[in-house]
Amino acid sequence: MTDAPSPDLIKLIMELRGQGVTDARVLDALERVPRAAFVSEAQRSQAYENKPLPIGLGQTISQPFIVGLMTHALKLGERMKVLEIGTGSGYQAAVLAKLSLRVYTMERHRDLMREAELRFKKLGLSNIVTAHGDGYLGWPEQAPFDRIIVTAAAPELPDRLIDQLKIGGILVCPVGPAGATQVLLRVTKQDAGKEVENLGFVAFVPMLQGVARDG
């Protein structure tokens, strides 16, 4: 038996619905993943506010609306194999895990990755595979993927990641410089080229190359 959702969570879900996140499966996943489990104890009182929160090392847990928007944009199916670039707290990966067959998630900060792994284990999310590595390189050993999501802003479309999509696969990625205008793009890989859709303006931390030094 699972615990009933808190009033704050119910209020958040209603707010997201009002903002245009109307996919029933996405809303159900957001309701079943406790965001409070992905923030520090000091931030628990703010866990179900519709805003990003710092998680250390210059990273954030994304605003729930953005998580809902990006998840909806992926058009996920329950048999799909998904790559996430930027594990962070693990919240987005946990939502994806409720909607797909398997999630492969990469993080350049080893400490963040280890903390996320503990959260996945505590929540019984056994269909998430983690790796400490450079997100710019993707995960070629596990390619091709049905879907790829990038949770940091790339300076331009990451063609190396698009190469790791199946034909008909979708990549959702914010693109633009840090501190300036960024746009959320949805890319559908086609037999000859790709289709690119602009989903609106966003603000993300920058996507960085390489892996971070421990500590």
C-alpha atoms as a PDB file:
ATOM      1  CA  MET A   1       0.000   0.000   0.000  1.00  0.00           C
ATOM      2  CA  THR A   2       1.429   3.384  -1.017  1.00  0.00           C
ATOM      3  CA  ASP A   3       1.046   6.580   0.956  1.00  0.00           C
ATOM      4  CA  ALA A   4      -1.605   9.010  -0.237  1.00  0.00           C
ATOM      5  CA  PRO A   5      -0.178  12.090  -1.984  1.00  0.00           C
ATOM      6  CA  SER A   6       0.270  15.113   0.249  1.00  0.00           C
ATOM      7  CA  PRO A   7      -1.944  18.195  -0.170  1.00  0.00           C
ATOM      8  CA  ASP A   8       1.117  20.119  -1.402  1.00  0.00           C
ATOM      9  CA  LEU A   9       1.733  17.506  -4.106  1.00  0.00           C
ATOM     10  CA  ILE A  10      -1.921  17.516  -5.173  1.00  0.00           C
ATOM     11  CA  LYS A  11      -1.790  21.321  -5.389  1.00  0.00           C
ATOM     12  CA  LEU A  12       1.358  21.107  -7.534  1.00  0.00           C
ATOM     13  CA  ILE A  13      -0.220  18.584  -9.918  1.00  0.00           C
ATOM     14  CA  MET A  14      -3.240  20.853 -10.349  1.00  0.00           C
ATOM     15  CA  GLU A  15      -0.929  23.803 -11.017  1.00  0.00           C
ATOM     16  CA  LEU A  16       0.983  21.847 -13.668  1.00  0.00           C
ATOM     17  CA  ARG A  17      -2.281  20.845 -15.315  1.00  0.00           C
ATOM     18  CA  GLY A  18      -3.256  24.497 -15.457  1.00  0.00           C
ATOM     19  CA  GLN A  19       0.074  25.365 -17.071  1.00  0.00           C
ATOM     20  CA  GLY A  20      -0.524  22.926 -19.893  1.00  0.00           C
ATOM     21  CA  VAL A  21       0.997  19.649 -18.679  1.00  0.00           C
ATOM     22  CA  THR A  22      -2.117  17.612 -19.456  1.00  0.00           C
ATOM     23  CA  ASP A  23      -0.740  14.174 -20.379  1.00  0.00           C
ATOM     24  CA  ALA A  24      -2.363  11.824 -17.850  1.00  0.00           C
ATOM     25  CA  ARG A  25       0.590   9.392 -17.812  1.00  0.00           C
ATOM     26  CA  VAL A  26       3.081  12.195 -17.161  1.00  0.00           C
ATOM     27  CA  LEU A  27       0.970  13.672 -14.372  1.00  0.00           C
ATOM     28  CA  ASP A  28       0.580  10.217 -12.829  1.00  0.00           C
ATOM     29  CA  ALA A  29       4.370   9.713 -12.892  1.00  0.00           C
ATOM     30  CA  LEU A  30       4.939  13.108 -11.278  1.00  0.00           C
ATOM     31  CA  GLU A  31       2.413  12.197  -8.602  1.00  0.00           C
ATOM     32  CA  ARG A  32       4.107   8.841  -7.913  1.00  0.00           C
ATOM     33  CA  VAL A  33       7.662  10.217  -7.624  1.00  0.00           C
ATOM     34  CA  PRO A  34       8.167  12.049  -4.293  1.00  0.00           C
ATOM     35  CA  ARG A  35      10.177  15.160  -5.157  1.00  0.00           C
ATOM     36  CA  ALA A  36      10.889  15.587  -1.450  1.00  0.00           C
ATOM     37  CA  ALA A  37      13.141  12.513  -1.667  1.00  0.00           C
ATOM     38  CA  PHE A  38      15.424  14.332  -4.120  1.00  0.00           C
ATOM     39  CA  VAL A  39      16.182  17.498  -2.136  1.00  0.00           C
ATOM     40  CA  SER A  40      18.020  18.171   1.108  1.00  0.00           C
ATOM     41  CA  GLU A  41      16.219  17.972   4.436  1.00  0.00           C
ATOM     42  CA  ALA A  42      16.434  21.771   4.734  1.00  0.00           C
ATOM     43  CA  GLN A  43      14.516  22.123   1.447  1.00  0.00           C
ATOM     44  CA  ARG A  44      11.768  19.577   2.133  1.00  0.00           C
ATOM     45  CA  SER A  45       9.249  22.309   2.911  1.00  0.00           C
ATOM     46  CA  GLN A  46       9.808  23.710  -0.612  1.00  0.00           C
ATOM     47  CA  ALA A  47       9.864  20.357  -2.425  1.00  0.00           C
ATOM     48  CA  TYR A  48       6.404  20.761  -3.973  1.00  0.00           C
ATOM     49  CA  GLU A  49       6.750  24.397  -4.950  1.00  0.00           C
ATOM     50  CA  ASN A  50       6.896  24.916  -8.691  1.00  0.00           C
ATOM     51  CA  LYS A  51      10.459  26.205  -8.795  1.00  0.00           C
ATOM     52  CA  PRO A  52      14.020  24.891  -9.227  1.00  0.00           C
ATOM     53  CA  LEU A  53      16.112  24.260  -6.122  1.00  0.00           C
ATOM     54  CA  PRO A  54      19.902  24.073  -5.686  1.00  0.00           C
ATOM     55  CA  ILE A  55      21.382  20.603  -5.094  1.00  0.00           C
ATOM     56  CA  GLY A  56      25.048  21.593  -4.751  1.00  0.00           C
ATOM     57  CA  LEU A  57      28.021  21.708  -7.118  1.00  0.00           C
ATOM     58  CA  GLY A  58      26.359  24.500  -9.072  1.00  0.00           C
ATOM     59  CA  GLN A  59      23.477  22.225 -10.144  1.00  0.00           C
ATOM     60  CA  THR A  60      19.726  22.374  -9.586  1.00  0.00           C
ATOM     61  CA  ILE A  61      16.714  20.115  -9.444  1.00  0.00           C
ATOM     62  CA  SER A  62      14.529  21.421 -12.259  1.00  0.00           C
ATOM     63  CA  GLN A  63      11.226  23.200 -11.803  1.00  0.00           C
ATOM     64  CA  PRO A  64       8.425  20.582 -11.840  1.00  0.00           C
ATOM     65  CA  PHE A  65       6.772  22.356 -14.779  1.00  0.00           C
ATOM     66  CA  ILE A  66       9.963  21.947 -16.842  1.00  0.00           C
ATOM     67  CA  VAL A  67      10.224  18.271 -15.863  1.00  0.00           C
ATOM     68  CA  GLY A  68       6.623  17.782 -16.943  1.00  0.00           C
ATOM     69  CA  LEU A  69       7.104  19.738 -20.170  1.00  0.00           C
ATOM     70  CA  MET A  70      10.252  17.861 -21.208  1.00  0.00           C
ATOM     71  CA  THR A  71       8.811  14.493 -20.247  1.00  0.00           C
ATOM     72  CA  HIS A  72       5.666  15.175 -22.250  1.00  0.00           C
ATOM     73  CA  ALA A  73       7.758  16.319 -25.230  1.00  0.00           C
ATOM     74  CA  LEU A  74       9.542  12.945 -25.335  1.00  0.00           C
ATOM     75  CA  LYS A  75       6.292  11.103 -26.208  1.00  0.00           C
ATOM     76  CA  LEU A  76       7.389   8.117 -24.137  1.00  0.00           C
ATOM     77  CA  GLY A  77       6.169   4.564 -24.541  1.00  0.00           C
ATOM     78  CA  GLU A  78       6.431   1.902 -21.865  1.00  0.00           C
ATOM     79  CA  ARG A  79       8.775  -0.300 -23.948  1.00  0.00           C
ATOM     80  CA  MET A  80      11.248   2.478 -24.730  1.00  0.00           C
ATOM     81  CA  LYS A  81      14.940   2.763 -23.915  1.00  0.00           C
ATOM     82  CA  VAL A  82      15.867   6.276 -22.767  1.00  0.00           C
ATOM     83  CA  LEU A  83      19.180   8.093 -22.302  1.00  0.00           C
ATOM     84  CA  GLU A  84      19.343  11.025 -19.904  1.00  0.00           C
ATOM     85  CA  ILE A  85      22.329  13.376 -19.917  1.00  0.00           C
ATOM     86  CA  GLY A  86      22.703  15.028 -16.514  1.00  0.00           C
ATOM     87  CA  THR A  87      21.440  12.863 -13.657  1.00  0.00           C
ATOM     88  CA  GLY A  88      21.658  15.658 -11.074  1.00  0.00           C
ATOM     89  CA  SER A  89      19.439  14.774  -8.121  1.00  0.00           C
ATOM     90  CA  GLY A  90      17.922  11.866 -10.044  1.00  0.00           C
ATOM     91  CA  TYR A  91      14.393  13.314 -10.048  1.00  0.00           C
ATOM     92  CA  GLN A  92      13.963  13.495 -13.817  1.00  0.00           C
ATOM     93  CA  ALA A  93      15.354   9.965 -14.247  1.00  0.00           C
ATOM     94  CA  ALA A  94      12.898   8.666 -11.641  1.00  0.00           C
ATOM     95  CA  VAL A  95       9.978  10.211 -13.540  1.00  0.00           C
ATOM     96  CA  LEU A  96      11.247   8.704 -16.805  1.00  0.00           C
ATOM     97  CA  ALA A  97      11.573   5.309 -15.115  1.00  0.00           C
ATOM     98  CA  LYS A  98       7.836   5.299 -14.384  1.00  0.00           C
ATOM     99  CA  LEU A  99       7.070   5.737 -18.091  1.00  0.00           C
ATOM    100  CA  SER A 100       9.633   3.630 -19.967  1.00  0.00           C
ATOM    101  CA  LEU A 101      11.314   0.236 -19.985  1.00  0.00           C
ATOM    102  CA  ARG A 102      14.822   1.326 -19.013  1.00  0.00           C
ATOM    103  CA  VAL A 103      16.599   4.611 -18.306  1.00  0.00           C
ATOM    104  CA  TYR A 104      20.334   5.106 -18.814  1.00  0.00           C
ATOM    105  CA  THR A 105      21.473   8.243 -17.025  1.00  0.00           C
ATOM    106  CA  MET A 106      24.895   9.918 -17.095  1.00  0.00           C
ATOM    107  CA  GLU A 107      26.368  12.430 -14.645  1.00  0.00           C
ATOM    108  CA  ARG A 108      29.734  14.228 -14.749  1.00  0.00           C
ATOM    109  CA  HIS A 109      29.793  14.764 -10.960  1.00  0.00           C
ATOM    110  CA  ARG A 110      30.543  11.463  -9.236  1.00  0.00           C
ATOM    111  CA  ASP A 111      29.170  12.645  -5.872  1.00  0.00           C
ATOM    112  CA  LEU A 112      25.809  13.609  -7.381  1.00  0.00           C
ATOM    113  CA  MET A 113      25.646  10.279  -9.204  1.00  0.00           C
ATOM    114  CA  ARG A 114      26.251   8.317  -5.995  1.00  0.00           C
ATOM    115  CA  GLU A 115      23.583  10.273  -4.115  1.00  0.00           C
ATOM    116  CA  ALA A 116      21.108   9.667  -6.949  1.00  0.00           C
ATOM    117  CA  GLU A 117      21.917   5.935  -6.924  1.00  0.00           C
ATOM    118  CA  LEU A 118      21.036   5.761  -3.229  1.00  0.00           C
ATOM    119  CA  ARG A 119      17.711   7.477  -3.900  1.00  0.00           C
ATOM    120  CA  PHE A 120      16.886   5.089  -6.756  1.00  0.00           C
ATOM    121  CA  LYS A 121      17.643   2.109  -4.519  1.00  0.00           C
ATOM    122  CA  LYS A 122      15.548   3.484  -1.649  1.00  0.00           C
ATOM    123  CA  LEU A 123      12.597   4.041  -4.001  1.00  0.00           C
ATOM    124  CA  GLY A 124      12.958   0.598  -5.605  1.00  0.00           C
ATOM    125  CA  LEU A 125      13.660   1.980  -9.086  1.00  0.00           C
ATOM    126  CA  SER A 126      15.463  -1.019 -10.552  1.00  0.00           C
ATOM    127  CA  ASN A 127      15.150  -0.017 -14.220  1.00  0.00           C
ATOM    128  CA  ILE A 128      17.661   2.864 -14.008  1.00  0.00           C
ATOM    129  CA  VAL A 129      21.298   2.330 -15.051  1.00  0.00           C
ATOM    130  CA  THR A 130      23.836   4.999 -14.074  1.00  0.00           C
ATOM    131  CA  ALA A 131      27.238   6.038 -15.376  1.00  0.00           C
ATOM    132  CA  HIS A 132      29.816   8.638 -14.410  1.00  0.00           C
ATOM    133  CA  GLY A 133      30.977  10.182 -17.664  1.00  0.00           C
ATOM    134  CA  ASP A 134      31.028  12.941 -20.249  1.00  0.00           C
ATOM    135  CA  GLY A 135      27.510  13.552 -21.510  1.00  0.00           C
ATOM    136  CA  TYR A 136      28.813  15.075 -24.744  1.00  0.00           C
ATOM    137  CA  LEU A 137      29.982  11.592 -25.713  1.00  0.00           C
ATOM    138  CA  GLY A 138      26.679   9.931 -24.926  1.00  0.00           C
ATOM    139  CA  TRP A 139      26.585   6.204 -24.241  1.00  0.00           C
ATOM    140  CA  PRO A 140      27.537   4.545 -27.554  1.00  0.00           C
ATOM    141  CA  GLU A 141      27.837   1.087 -25.983  1.00  0.00           C
ATOM    142  CA  GLN A 142      24.079   1.133 -25.250  1.00  0.00           C
ATOM    143  CA  ALA A 143      22.930   2.948 -28.406  1.00  0.00           C
ATOM    144  CA  PRO A 144      20.649   3.216 -30.225  1.00  0.00           C
ATOM    145  CA  PHE A 145      18.080   4.818 -27.949  1.00  0.00           C
ATOM    146  CA  ASP A 146      14.387   5.489 -28.535  1.00  0.00           C
ATOM    147  CA  ARG A 147      14.614   8.776 -26.661  1.00  0.00           C
ATOM    148  CA  ILE A 148      17.331  11.103 -25.330  1.00  0.00           C
ATOM    149  CA  ILE A 149      16.848  13.971 -22.881  1.00  0.00           C
ATOM    150  CA  VAL A 150      19.499  16.537 -21.959  1.00  0.00           C
ATOM    151  CA  THR A 151      18.994  18.412 -18.701  1.00  0.00           C
ATOM    152  CA  ALA A 152      21.598  21.145 -19.245  1.00  0.00           C
ATOM    153  CA  ALA A 153      21.875  23.729 -22.003  1.00  0.00           C
ATOM    154  CA  ALA A 154      24.125  22.759 -24.908  1.00  0.00           C
ATOM    155  CA  PRO A 155      25.669  25.617 -26.939  1.00  0.00           C
ATOM    156  CA  GLU A 156      24.329  23.963 -30.100  1.00  0.00           C
ATOM    157  CA  LEU A 157      22.423  20.832 -31.024  1.00  0.00           C
ATOM    158  CA  PRO A 158      24.503  17.819 -29.881  1.00  0.00           C
ATOM    159  CA  ASP A 159      24.872  15.882 -33.136  1.00  0.00           C
ATOM    160  CA  ARG A 160      26.862  13.152 -31.403  1.00  0.00           C
ATOM    161  CA  LEU A 161      23.808  12.373 -29.286  1.00  0.00           C
ATOM    162  CA  ILE A 162      21.435  12.547 -32.246  1.00  0.00           C
ATOM    163  CA  ASP A 163      23.643   9.921 -33.918  1.00  0.00           C
ATOM    164  CA  GLN A 164      22.785   7.595 -31.006  1.00  0.00           C
ATOM    165  CA  LEU A 165      19.030   7.789 -31.667  1.00  0.00           C
ATOM    166  CA  LYS A 166      17.044   5.216 -33.580  1.00  0.00           C
ATOM    167  CA  ILE A 167      15.379   6.401 -36.778  1.00  0.00           C
ATOM    168  CA  GLY A 168      12.155   8.000 -35.593  1.00  0.00           C
ATOM    169  CA  GLY A 169      13.718   8.635 -32.178  1.00  0.00           C
ATOM    170  CA  ILE A 170      13.352  11.920 -30.311  1.00  0.00           C
ATOM    171  CA  LEU A 171      15.874  14.124 -28.493  1.00  0.00           C
ATOM    172  CA  VAL A 172      14.732  16.947 -26.186  1.00  0.00           C
ATOM    173  CA  CYS A 173      17.449  19.430 -25.302  1.00  0.00           C
ATOM    174  CA  PRO A 174      17.780  23.067 -24.207  1.00  0.00           C
ATOM    175  CA  VAL A 175      20.135  24.969 -26.490  1.00  0.00           C
ATOM    176  CA  GLY A 176      21.829  28.322 -25.937  1.00  0.00           C
ATOM    177  CA  PRO A 177      24.550  30.046 -23.913  1.00  0.00           C
ATOM    178  CA  ALA A 178      24.502  30.231 -20.125  1.00  0.00           C
ATOM    179  CA  GLY A 179      22.879  33.396 -18.819  1.00  0.00           C
ATOM    180  CA  ALA A 180      21.352  34.261 -22.185  1.00  0.00           C
ATOM    181  CA  THR A 181      18.370  33.186 -24.263  1.00  0.00           C
ATOM    182  CA  GLN A 182      17.957  29.422 -24.414  1.00  0.00           C
ATOM    183  CA  VAL A 183      15.315  27.473 -26.311  1.00  0.00           C
ATOM    184  CA  LEU A 184      13.973  24.008 -25.674  1.00  0.00           C
ATOM    185  CA  LEU A 185      14.231  21.978 -28.869  1.00  0.00           C
ATOM    186  CA  ARG A 186      12.660  18.668 -29.848  1.00  0.00           C
ATOM    187  CA  VAL A 187      14.554  16.819 -32.564  1.00  0.00           C
ATOM    188  CA  THR A 188      13.054  13.861 -34.414  1.00  0.00           C
ATOM    189  CA  LYS A 189      15.620  11.777 -36.285  1.00  0.00           C
ATOM    190  CA  GLN A 190      14.567  10.869 -39.798  1.00  0.00           C
ATOM    191  CA  ASP A 191      15.980   8.680 -42.580  1.00  0.00           C
ATOM    192  CA  ALA A 192      17.317  11.794 -44.245  1.00  0.00           C
ATOM    193  CA  GLY A 193      18.144  14.475 -41.701  1.00  0.00           C
ATOM    194  CA  LYS A 194      16.068  15.631 -38.753  1.00  0.00           C
ATOM    195  CA  GLU A 195      13.000  17.659 -37.849  1.00  0.00           C
ATOM    196  CA  VAL A 196      13.568  20.393 -35.237  1.00  0.00           C
ATOM    197  CA  GLU A 197      10.754  21.984 -33.213  1.00  0.00           C
ATOM    198  CA  ASN A 198      11.050  24.985 -30.867  1.00  0.00           C
ATOM    199  CA  LEU A 199       9.121  24.340 -27.641  1.00  0.00           C
ATOM    200  CA  GLY A 200       9.784  27.715 -26.024  1.00  0.00           C
ATOM    201  CA  PHE A 201      12.246  29.657 -23.900  1.00  0.00           C
ATOM    202  CA  VAL A 202      13.953  28.072 -20.880  1.00  0.00           C
ATOM    203  CA  ALA A 203      16.839  28.669 -18.454  1.00  0.00           C
ATOM    204  CA  PHE A 204      19.251  25.831 -17.621  1.00  0.00           C
ATOM    205  CA  VAL A 205      22.735  25.449 -16.211  1.00  0.00           C
ATOM    206  CA  PRO A 206      25.290  24.974 -19.035  1.00  0.00           C
ATOM    207  CA  MET A 207      26.217  21.559 -20.377  1.00  0.00           C
ATOM    208  CA  LEU A 208      29.932  21.091 -19.749  1.00  0.00           C
ATOM    209  CA  GLN A 209      32.390  18.754 -21.424  1.00  0.00           C
ATOM    210  CA  GLY A 210      34.473  16.181 -19.569  1.00  0.00           C
ATOM    211  CA  VAL A 211      33.945  14.892 -16.057  1.00  0.00           C
ATOM    212  CA  ALA A 212      34.236  16.950 -12.897  1.00  0.00           C
ATOM    213  CA  ARG A 213      37.109  16.393 -10.486  1.00  0.00           C
ATOM    214  CA  ASP A 214      36.056  14.452  -7.402  1.00  0.00           C
ATOM    215  CA  GLY A 215      35.444  16.693  -4.420  1.00  0.00           C
END
